Amino acid sequence: MTKIVFTAMTAKDAEAFRNGNPDANGQKPERSIATGTYPCRVCLGQIEDGEAMLLLAYRPFPKLQPFAETGPIFIHAEACSRYEASEILPPMLESLDYIVRGYGFNDRIVYGTGAVTPTDGISRYAQELFAREDIAYVHVRSARNNCYQCRIDRI
């Protein structure tokens, strides 16, 4: 069985956004106070009601190309620890299901791999995808809005 790790945004990238560096749309991240809870893409936990957060456009790909989706994400406005656990479902994944989709070594979607997956089946489906030689990594995305949640890699 393939071992997997849930990969969060790097601490370096998060710190750059916290310092006001432009997001994927060339805009400064928007700072606000959470009213409710929001998933942080760094610690992969929740930004709690009343905490400061940043909203920004994020593109989790190394370069522009037709499959390089860009979308809104939230991160804690103050430094938080990057999620480091392997094979443990991140606490931010609280919805009933998510889109789980494989990407090739060219950073493009591998057709036929995207599936709305029950949350408790994410690890199992990612392992199935990694059994294929054409899958480089996997994205977990919102099943409702397609927002990027986190990446899954082999270890």
C-alpha atoms as a PDB file:
ATOM      1  CA  MET A   1       0.000   0.000   0.000  1.00  0.00           C
ATOM      2  CA  THR A   2       1.296   3.439  -0.950  1.00  0.00           C
ATOM      3  CA  LYS A   3       2.013   5.734   1.981  1.00  0.00           C
ATOM      4  CA  ILE A   4       0.673   9.246   1.575  1.00  0.00           C
ATOM      5  CA  VAL A   5       1.118  12.671   3.111  1.00  0.00           C
ATOM      6  CA  PHE A   6      -1.318  15.578   3.111  1.00  0.00           C
ATOM      7  CA  THR A   7       0.746  18.539   1.933  1.00  0.00           C
ATOM      8  CA  ALA A   8      -0.078  22.051   3.099  1.00  0.00           C
ATOM      9  CA  MET A   9       0.973  25.399   1.661  1.00  0.00           C
ATOM     10  CA  THR A  10       4.617  26.025   2.508  1.00  0.00           C
ATOM     11  CA  ALA A  11       5.427  28.238   5.481  1.00  0.00           C
ATOM     12  CA  LYS A  12       7.570  30.365   3.142  1.00  0.00           C
ATOM     13  CA  ASP A  13       4.637  31.047   0.792  1.00  0.00           C
ATOM     14  CA  ALA A  14       2.286  31.756   3.715  1.00  0.00           C
ATOM     15  CA  GLU A  15       4.762  34.203   5.248  1.00  0.00           C
ATOM     16  CA  ALA A  16       5.117  36.013   1.917  1.00  0.00           C
ATOM     17  CA  PHE A  17       1.329  36.483   1.770  1.00  0.00           C
ATOM     18  CA  ARG A  18       1.265  37.624   5.400  1.00  0.00           C
ATOM     19  CA  ASN A  19       3.905  40.209   4.499  1.00  0.00           C
ATOM     20  CA  GLY A  20       1.624  41.600   1.777  1.00  0.00           C
ATOM     21  CA  ASN A  21       3.134  39.926  -1.277  1.00  0.00           C
ATOM     22  CA  PRO A  22       0.654  39.699  -4.156  1.00  0.00           C
ATOM     23  CA  ASP A  23      -1.549  36.658  -4.647  1.00  0.00           C
ATOM     24  CA  ALA A  24      -2.096  34.759  -7.913  1.00  0.00           C
ATOM     25  CA  ASN A  25      -4.197  37.673  -9.207  1.00  0.00           C
ATOM     26  CA  GLY A  26      -1.495  40.215  -8.382  1.00  0.00           C
ATOM     27  CA  GLN A  27      -3.484  41.643  -5.467  1.00  0.00           C
ATOM     28  CA  LYS A  28      -2.563  42.085  -1.817  1.00  0.00           C
ATOM     29  CA  PRO A  29      -4.297  39.452   0.359  1.00  0.00           C
ATOM     30  CA  GLU A  30      -7.425  40.763   2.105  1.00  0.00           C
ATOM     31  CA  ARG A  31      -7.307  40.781   5.905  1.00  0.00           C
ATOM     32  CA  SER A  32     -10.497  40.327   7.933  1.00  0.00           C
ATOM     33  CA  ILE A  33     -11.841  38.782  11.118  1.00  0.00           C
ATOM     34  CA  ALA A  34     -13.497  35.388  10.799  1.00  0.00           C
ATOM     35  CA  THR A  35     -17.228  35.228  11.385  1.00  0.00           C
ATOM     36  CA  GLY A  36     -17.609  31.483  11.672  1.00  0.00           C
ATOM     37  CA  THR A  37     -14.892  28.961  10.824  1.00  0.00           C
ATOM     38  CA  TYR A  38     -12.761  28.762   7.688  1.00  0.00           C
ATOM     39  CA  PRO A  39     -10.198  26.144   6.569  1.00  0.00           C
ATOM     40  CA  CYS A  40      -6.566  27.299   6.772  1.00  0.00           C
ATOM     41  CA  ARG A  41      -4.385  25.944   3.945  1.00  0.00           C
ATOM     42  CA  VAL A  42      -1.235  26.138   6.096  1.00  0.00           C
ATOM     43  CA  CYS A  43      -2.041  24.348   9.368  1.00  0.00           C
ATOM     44  CA  LEU A  44      -4.933  22.468   7.666  1.00  0.00           C
ATOM     45  CA  GLY A  45      -7.003  23.246  10.733  1.00  0.00           C
ATOM     46  CA  GLN A  46      -9.735  25.795  11.238  1.00  0.00           C
ATOM     47  CA  ILE A  47      -9.550  29.559  11.506  1.00  0.00           C
ATOM     48  CA  GLU A  48     -11.918  30.081  14.410  1.00  0.00           C
ATOM     49  CA  ASP A  49     -14.609  32.713  14.813  1.00  0.00           C
ATOM     50  CA  GLY A  50     -12.983  36.016  15.823  1.00  0.00           C
ATOM     51  CA  GLU A  51      -9.480  35.148  14.541  1.00  0.00           C
ATOM     52  CA  ALA A  52      -7.708  37.294  11.954  1.00  0.00           C
ATOM     53  CA  MET A  53      -7.474  35.696   8.518  1.00  0.00           C
ATOM     54  CA  LEU A  54      -6.298  36.415   5.014  1.00  0.00           C
ATOM     55  CA  LEU A  55      -8.301  35.747   1.859  1.00  0.00           C
ATOM     56  CA  LEU A  56      -6.298  35.459  -1.337  1.00  0.00           C
ATOM     57  CA  ALA A  57      -6.264  33.967  -4.818  1.00  0.00           C
ATOM     58  CA  TYR A  58      -4.072  30.871  -4.886  1.00  0.00           C
ATOM     59  CA  ARG A  59      -2.715  28.780  -7.742  1.00  0.00           C
ATOM     60  CA  PRO A  60      -1.060  25.598  -6.427  1.00  0.00           C
ATOM     61  CA  PHE A  61       0.911  24.947  -9.603  1.00  0.00           C
ATOM     62  CA  PRO A  62       4.503  25.839 -10.545  1.00  0.00           C
ATOM     63  CA  LYS A  63       3.627  27.722 -13.747  1.00  0.00           C
ATOM     64  CA  LEU A  64       0.741  29.011 -15.819  1.00  0.00           C
ATOM     65  CA  GLN A  65      -0.942  26.535 -18.148  1.00  0.00           C
ATOM     66  CA  PRO A  66      -4.558  25.751 -19.032  1.00  0.00           C
ATOM     67  CA  PHE A  67      -5.085  23.359 -16.090  1.00  0.00           C
ATOM     68  CA  ALA A  68      -3.508  25.656 -13.476  1.00  0.00           C
ATOM     69  CA  GLU A  69      -6.692  26.495 -11.581  1.00  0.00           C
ATOM     70  CA  THR A  70      -6.710  29.620  -9.441  1.00  0.00           C
ATOM     71  CA  GLY A  71      -9.186  30.136  -6.654  1.00  0.00           C
ATOM     72  CA  PRO A  72      -9.873  31.707  -3.282  1.00  0.00           C
ATOM     73  CA  ILE A  73      -8.325  30.303  -0.096  1.00  0.00           C
ATOM     74  CA  PHE A  74      -8.024  31.373   3.532  1.00  0.00           C
ATOM     75  CA  ILE A  75      -4.995  31.284   5.829  1.00  0.00           C
ATOM     76  CA  HIS A  76      -4.451  32.454   9.391  1.00  0.00           C
ATOM     77  CA  ALA A  77      -3.307  36.088   9.357  1.00  0.00           C
ATOM     78  CA  GLU A  78      -0.812  35.266  12.107  1.00  0.00           C
ATOM     79  CA  ALA A  79       1.814  32.554  11.763  1.00  0.00           C
ATOM     80  CA  CYS A  80       0.573  29.022  12.344  1.00  0.00           C
ATOM     81  CA  SER A  81       2.438  25.726  12.225  1.00  0.00           C
ATOM     82  CA  ARG A  82       2.450  23.977   8.881  1.00  0.00           C
ATOM     83  CA  TYR A  83       0.587  20.670   8.894  1.00  0.00           C
ATOM     84  CA  GLU A  84       3.123  17.854   8.978  1.00  0.00           C
ATOM     85  CA  ALA A  85       1.230  14.645   9.841  1.00  0.00           C
ATOM     86  CA  SER A  86       1.350  11.872   7.280  1.00  0.00           C
ATOM     87  CA  GLU A  87      -1.549   9.560   6.494  1.00  0.00           C
ATOM     88  CA  ILE A  88      -3.780  11.412   8.987  1.00  0.00           C
ATOM     89  CA  LEU A  89      -6.770  13.222   7.542  1.00  0.00           C
ATOM     90  CA  PRO A  90      -6.339  16.971   8.177  1.00  0.00           C
ATOM     91  CA  PRO A  91      -8.810  18.414  10.701  1.00  0.00           C
ATOM     92  CA  MET A  92      -9.996  21.060   8.209  1.00  0.00           C
ATOM     93  CA  LEU A  93     -11.686  18.394   6.096  1.00  0.00           C
ATOM     94  CA  GLU A  94     -15.083  18.549   7.790  1.00  0.00           C
ATOM     95  CA  SER A  95     -17.489  18.373   4.837  1.00  0.00           C
ATOM     96  CA  LEU A  96     -19.273  15.164   3.895  1.00  0.00           C
ATOM     97  CA  ASP A  97     -17.310  14.819   0.659  1.00  0.00           C
ATOM     98  CA  TYR A  98     -14.646  16.385  -1.542  1.00  0.00           C
ATOM     99  CA  ILE A  99     -13.429  16.207  -5.123  1.00  0.00           C
ATOM    100  CA  VAL A 100     -10.275  14.097  -5.229  1.00  0.00           C
ATOM    101  CA  ARG A 101      -8.380  14.321  -8.509  1.00  0.00           C
ATOM    102  CA  GLY A 102      -5.071  13.079  -9.883  1.00  0.00           C
ATOM    103  CA  TYR A 103      -2.510  15.206 -11.720  1.00  0.00           C
ATOM    104  CA  GLY A 104       0.276  14.036 -13.996  1.00  0.00           C
ATOM    105  CA  PHE A 105       3.960  14.859 -13.940  1.00  0.00           C
ATOM    106  CA  ASN A 106       3.181  17.714 -16.353  1.00  0.00           C
ATOM    107  CA  ASP A 107       0.912  19.305 -13.670  1.00  0.00           C
ATOM    108  CA  ARG A 108      -2.205  18.644 -15.721  1.00  0.00           C
ATOM    109  CA  ILE A 109      -5.395  16.844 -14.730  1.00  0.00           C
ATOM    110  CA  VAL A 110      -5.340  13.143 -15.562  1.00  0.00           C
ATOM    111  CA  TYR A 111      -8.754  12.649 -17.132  1.00  0.00           C
ATOM    112  CA  GLY A 112     -11.061  10.190 -15.476  1.00  0.00           C
ATOM    113  CA  THR A 113      -9.458  10.510 -12.031  1.00  0.00           C
ATOM    114  CA  GLY A 114     -11.710  13.178 -10.525  1.00  0.00           C
ATOM    115  CA  ALA A 115     -14.343  11.830  -8.173  1.00  0.00           C
ATOM    116  CA  VAL A 116     -16.605  13.232  -5.501  1.00  0.00           C
ATOM    117  CA  THR A 117     -15.333  11.182  -2.576  1.00  0.00           C
ATOM    118  CA  PRO A 118     -16.730  10.744   0.937  1.00  0.00           C
ATOM    119  CA  THR A 119     -14.340  12.340   3.427  1.00  0.00           C
ATOM    120  CA  ASP A 120     -13.569   9.043   5.127  1.00  0.00           C
ATOM    121  CA  GLY A 121     -12.589   7.582   1.721  1.00  0.00           C
ATOM    122  CA  ILE A 122     -10.111  10.284   0.668  1.00  0.00           C
ATOM    123  CA  SER A 123      -6.989   8.397   1.789  1.00  0.00           C
ATOM    124  CA  ARG A 124      -8.175   5.149   0.211  1.00  0.00           C
ATOM    125  CA  TYR A 125      -8.975   6.814  -3.130  1.00  0.00           C
ATOM    126  CA  ALA A 126      -5.647   8.681  -3.157  1.00  0.00           C
ATOM    127  CA  GLN A 127      -3.837   5.380  -2.634  1.00  0.00           C
ATOM    128  CA  GLU A 128      -5.788   3.883  -5.546  1.00  0.00           C
ATOM    129  CA  LEU A 129      -4.726   6.801  -7.745  1.00  0.00           C
ATOM    130  CA  PHE A 130      -1.081   6.442  -6.702  1.00  0.00           C
ATOM    131  CA  ALA A 131      -1.156   2.819  -7.862  1.00  0.00           C
ATOM    132  CA  ARG A 132      -1.154   4.296 -11.368  1.00  0.00           C
ATOM    133  CA  GLU A 133       2.174   5.270 -12.907  1.00  0.00           C
ATOM    134  CA  ASP A 134       0.778   8.430 -14.505  1.00  0.00           C
ATOM    135  CA  ILE A 135      -0.235  10.118 -11.220  1.00  0.00           C
ATOM    136  CA  ALA A 136       2.304  12.531  -9.734  1.00  0.00           C
ATOM    137  CA  TYR A 137       0.102  14.012  -6.984  1.00  0.00           C
ATOM    138  CA  VAL A 138      -3.508  14.429  -5.954  1.00  0.00           C
ATOM    139  CA  HIS A 139      -5.607  17.475  -5.064  1.00  0.00           C
ATOM    140  CA  VAL A 140      -8.411  17.585  -2.537  1.00  0.00           C
ATOM    141  CA  ARG A 141     -10.944  20.236  -3.577  1.00  0.00           C
ATOM    142  CA  SER A 142     -14.326  21.385  -2.341  1.00  0.00           C
ATOM    143  CA  ALA A 143     -17.123  19.293  -3.826  1.00  0.00           C
ATOM    144  CA  ARG A 144     -19.378  22.362  -3.801  1.00  0.00           C
ATOM    145  CA  ASN A 145     -17.116  25.147  -5.070  1.00  0.00           C
ATOM    146  CA  ASN A 146     -14.001  23.355  -6.391  1.00  0.00           C
ATOM    147  CA  CYS A 147     -11.776  25.396  -4.024  1.00  0.00           C
ATOM    148  CA  TYR A 148      -8.333  23.935  -3.419  1.00  0.00           C
ATOM    149  CA  GLN A 149      -8.003  22.361   0.044  1.00  0.00           C
ATOM    150  CA  CYS A 150      -4.656  20.562   0.047  1.00  0.00           C
ATOM    151  CA  ARG A 151      -2.397  18.308  -1.946  1.00  0.00           C
ATOM    152  CA  ILE A 152      -1.638  14.633  -1.335  1.00  0.00           C
ATOM    153  CA  ASP A 153       1.793  13.225  -2.172  1.00  0.00           C
ATOM    154  CA  ARG A 154       3.449   9.813  -2.004  1.00  0.00           C
ATOM    155  CA  ILE A 155       6.049   9.227   0.687  1.00  0.00           C
END
